[in-house]
Amino acid sequence: MAQLKKLTNQITEKQMQEMNYEVNVLKEKPSTVAKKYLTQQGLLK
């Protein structure tokens, strides 16, 4: 739960739209998209 709190107010609408596009249109795995985002944000190593 603490990890989710780190995301509060961190994901912009544009970022969410891009992630949804990657999953829904490009057919990437949600876990892959999430891992990429978390890594880019420095929340996952």
N, C-alpha and C. Protein backbone atom coordinates (compact mmCIF):
# COMPACT_ATOMS: atom_id res chain seq x y z
N MET A 1 0.82 -1.19 0.00
CA MET A 1 0.00 0.00 0.00
C MET A 1 0.86 1.26 0.00
N ALA A 2 1.98 1.20 0.70
CA ALA A 2 2.86 2.36 0.75
C ALA A 2 3.40 2.70 -0.64
N GLN A 3 3.64 1.66 -1.43
CA GLN A 3 4.14 1.90 -2.78
C GLN A 3 3.11 2.64 -3.63
N LEU A 4 1.84 2.32 -3.45
CA LEU A 4 0.79 3.01 -4.20
C LEU A 4 0.68 4.47 -3.81
N LYS A 5 0.93 4.77 -2.55
CA LYS A 5 0.86 6.16 -2.10
C LYS A 5 1.92 7.01 -2.78
N LYS A 6 3.03 6.41 -3.17
CA LYS A 6 4.08 7.14 -3.88
C LYS A 6 3.58 7.64 -5.23
N LEU A 7 2.57 6.99 -5.78
CA LEU A 7 2.04 7.37 -7.08
C LEU A 7 0.96 8.44 -7.01
N THR A 8 0.49 8.75 -5.82
CA THR A 8 -0.59 9.73 -5.66
C THR A 8 -0.17 11.05 -6.29
N ASN A 9 -0.99 11.53 -7.21
CA ASN A 9 -0.76 12.79 -7.92
C ASN A 9 0.53 12.81 -8.73
N GLN A 10 1.04 11.66 -9.11
CA GLN A 10 2.29 11.59 -9.87
C GLN A 10 2.05 11.31 -11.36
N ILE A 11 1.01 10.60 -11.68
CA ILE A 11 0.75 10.24 -13.07
C ILE A 11 -0.13 11.32 -13.70
N THR A 12 0.38 11.94 -14.76
CA THR A 12 -0.41 12.97 -15.43
C THR A 12 -1.44 12.31 -16.35
N GLU A 13 -2.39 13.09 -16.77
CA GLU A 13 -3.40 12.58 -17.69
C GLU A 13 -2.75 12.14 -19.00
N LYS A 14 -1.77 12.91 -19.46
CA LYS A 14 -1.07 12.56 -20.70
C LYS A 14 -0.31 11.25 -20.55
N GLN A 15 0.34 11.05 -19.42
CA GLN A 15 1.06 9.81 -19.19
C GLN A 15 0.10 8.62 -19.16
N MET A 16 -1.03 8.78 -18.51
CA MET A 16 -2.02 7.72 -18.44
C MET A 16 -2.57 7.40 -19.82
N GLN A 17 -2.82 8.41 -20.62
CA GLN A 17 -3.30 8.19 -21.98
C GLN A 17 -2.27 7.41 -22.79
N GLU A 18 -1.00 7.77 -22.64
CA GLU A 18 0.07 7.09 -23.37
C GLU A 18 0.15 5.62 -22.94
N MET A 19 0.07 5.38 -21.63
CA MET A 19 0.13 4.00 -21.14
C MET A 19 -1.07 3.19 -21.63
N ASN A 20 -2.24 3.80 -21.62
CA ASN A 20 -3.43 3.12 -22.13
C ASN A 20 -3.28 2.81 -23.62
N TYR A 21 -2.70 3.73 -24.38
CA TYR A 21 -2.45 3.52 -25.80
C TYR A 21 -1.51 2.33 -26.01
N GLU A 22 -0.45 2.29 -25.23
CA GLU A 22 0.51 1.20 -25.37
C GLU A 22 -0.14 -0.16 -25.10
N VAL A 23 -1.04 -0.20 -24.14
CA VAL A 23 -1.72 -1.46 -23.79
C VAL A 23 -2.82 -1.79 -24.79
N ASN A 24 -3.69 -0.83 -25.06
CA ASN A 24 -4.88 -1.10 -25.86
C ASN A 24 -4.63 -1.13 -27.36
N VAL A 25 -3.73 -0.31 -27.85
CA VAL A 25 -3.49 -0.24 -29.30
C VAL A 25 -2.25 -1.03 -29.70
N LEU A 26 -1.17 -0.83 -28.96
CA LEU A 26 0.07 -1.52 -29.31
C LEU A 26 0.14 -2.93 -28.74
N LYS A 27 -0.85 -3.26 -27.89
CA LYS A 27 -0.99 -4.61 -27.32
C LYS A 27 0.20 -5.03 -26.45
N GLU A 28 0.81 -4.05 -25.78
CA GLU A 28 1.86 -4.38 -24.83
C GLU A 28 1.22 -4.88 -23.54
N LYS A 29 1.92 -5.70 -22.80
CA LYS A 29 1.41 -6.20 -21.53
C LYS A 29 1.32 -5.05 -20.53
N PRO A 30 0.23 -4.97 -19.77
CA PRO A 30 0.12 -3.92 -18.75
C PRO A 30 1.30 -3.93 -17.78
N SER A 31 1.77 -5.10 -17.42
CA SER A 31 2.90 -5.18 -16.49
C SER A 31 4.16 -4.59 -17.11
N THR A 32 4.35 -4.75 -18.41
CA THR A 32 5.50 -4.20 -19.09
C THR A 32 5.43 -2.68 -19.11
N VAL A 33 4.25 -2.16 -19.42
CA VAL A 33 4.05 -0.71 -19.47
C VAL A 33 4.24 -0.11 -18.08
N ALA A 34 3.68 -0.75 -17.08
CA ALA A 34 3.82 -0.26 -15.71
C ALA A 34 5.27 -0.28 -15.26
N LYS A 35 5.97 -1.35 -15.56
CA LYS A 35 7.38 -1.44 -15.17
C LYS A 35 8.20 -0.35 -15.84
N LYS A 36 7.93 -0.10 -17.11
CA LYS A 36 8.65 0.95 -17.82
C LYS A 36 8.40 2.30 -17.18
N TYR A 37 7.14 2.60 -16.85
CA TYR A 37 6.82 3.87 -16.22
C TYR A 37 7.50 4.01 -14.85
N LEU A 38 7.39 2.98 -14.03
CA LEU A 38 7.97 3.02 -12.69
C LEU A 38 9.48 3.18 -12.74
N THR A 39 10.11 2.53 -13.70
CA THR A 39 11.56 2.64 -13.87
C THR A 39 11.94 4.07 -14.29
N GLN A 40 11.21 4.62 -15.23
CA GLN A 40 11.48 5.98 -15.70
C GLN A 40 11.31 7.00 -14.59
N GLN A 41 10.39 6.74 -13.68
CA GLN A 41 10.13 7.67 -12.57
C GLN A 41 11.06 7.46 -11.38
N GLY A 42 11.93 6.48 -11.49
CA GLY A 42 12.86 6.21 -10.40
C GLY A 42 12.22 5.50 -9.21
N LEU A 43 11.06 4.89 -9.43
CA LEU A 43 10.35 4.19 -8.37
C LEU A 43 10.63 2.70 -8.37
N LEU A 44 11.33 2.25 -9.41
CA LEU A 44 11.66 0.84 -9.56
C LEU A 44 13.04 0.76 -10.19
N LYS A 45 13.85 -0.14 -9.67
CA LYS A 45 15.21 -0.26 -10.20
C LYS A 45 15.35 -1.49 -11.03
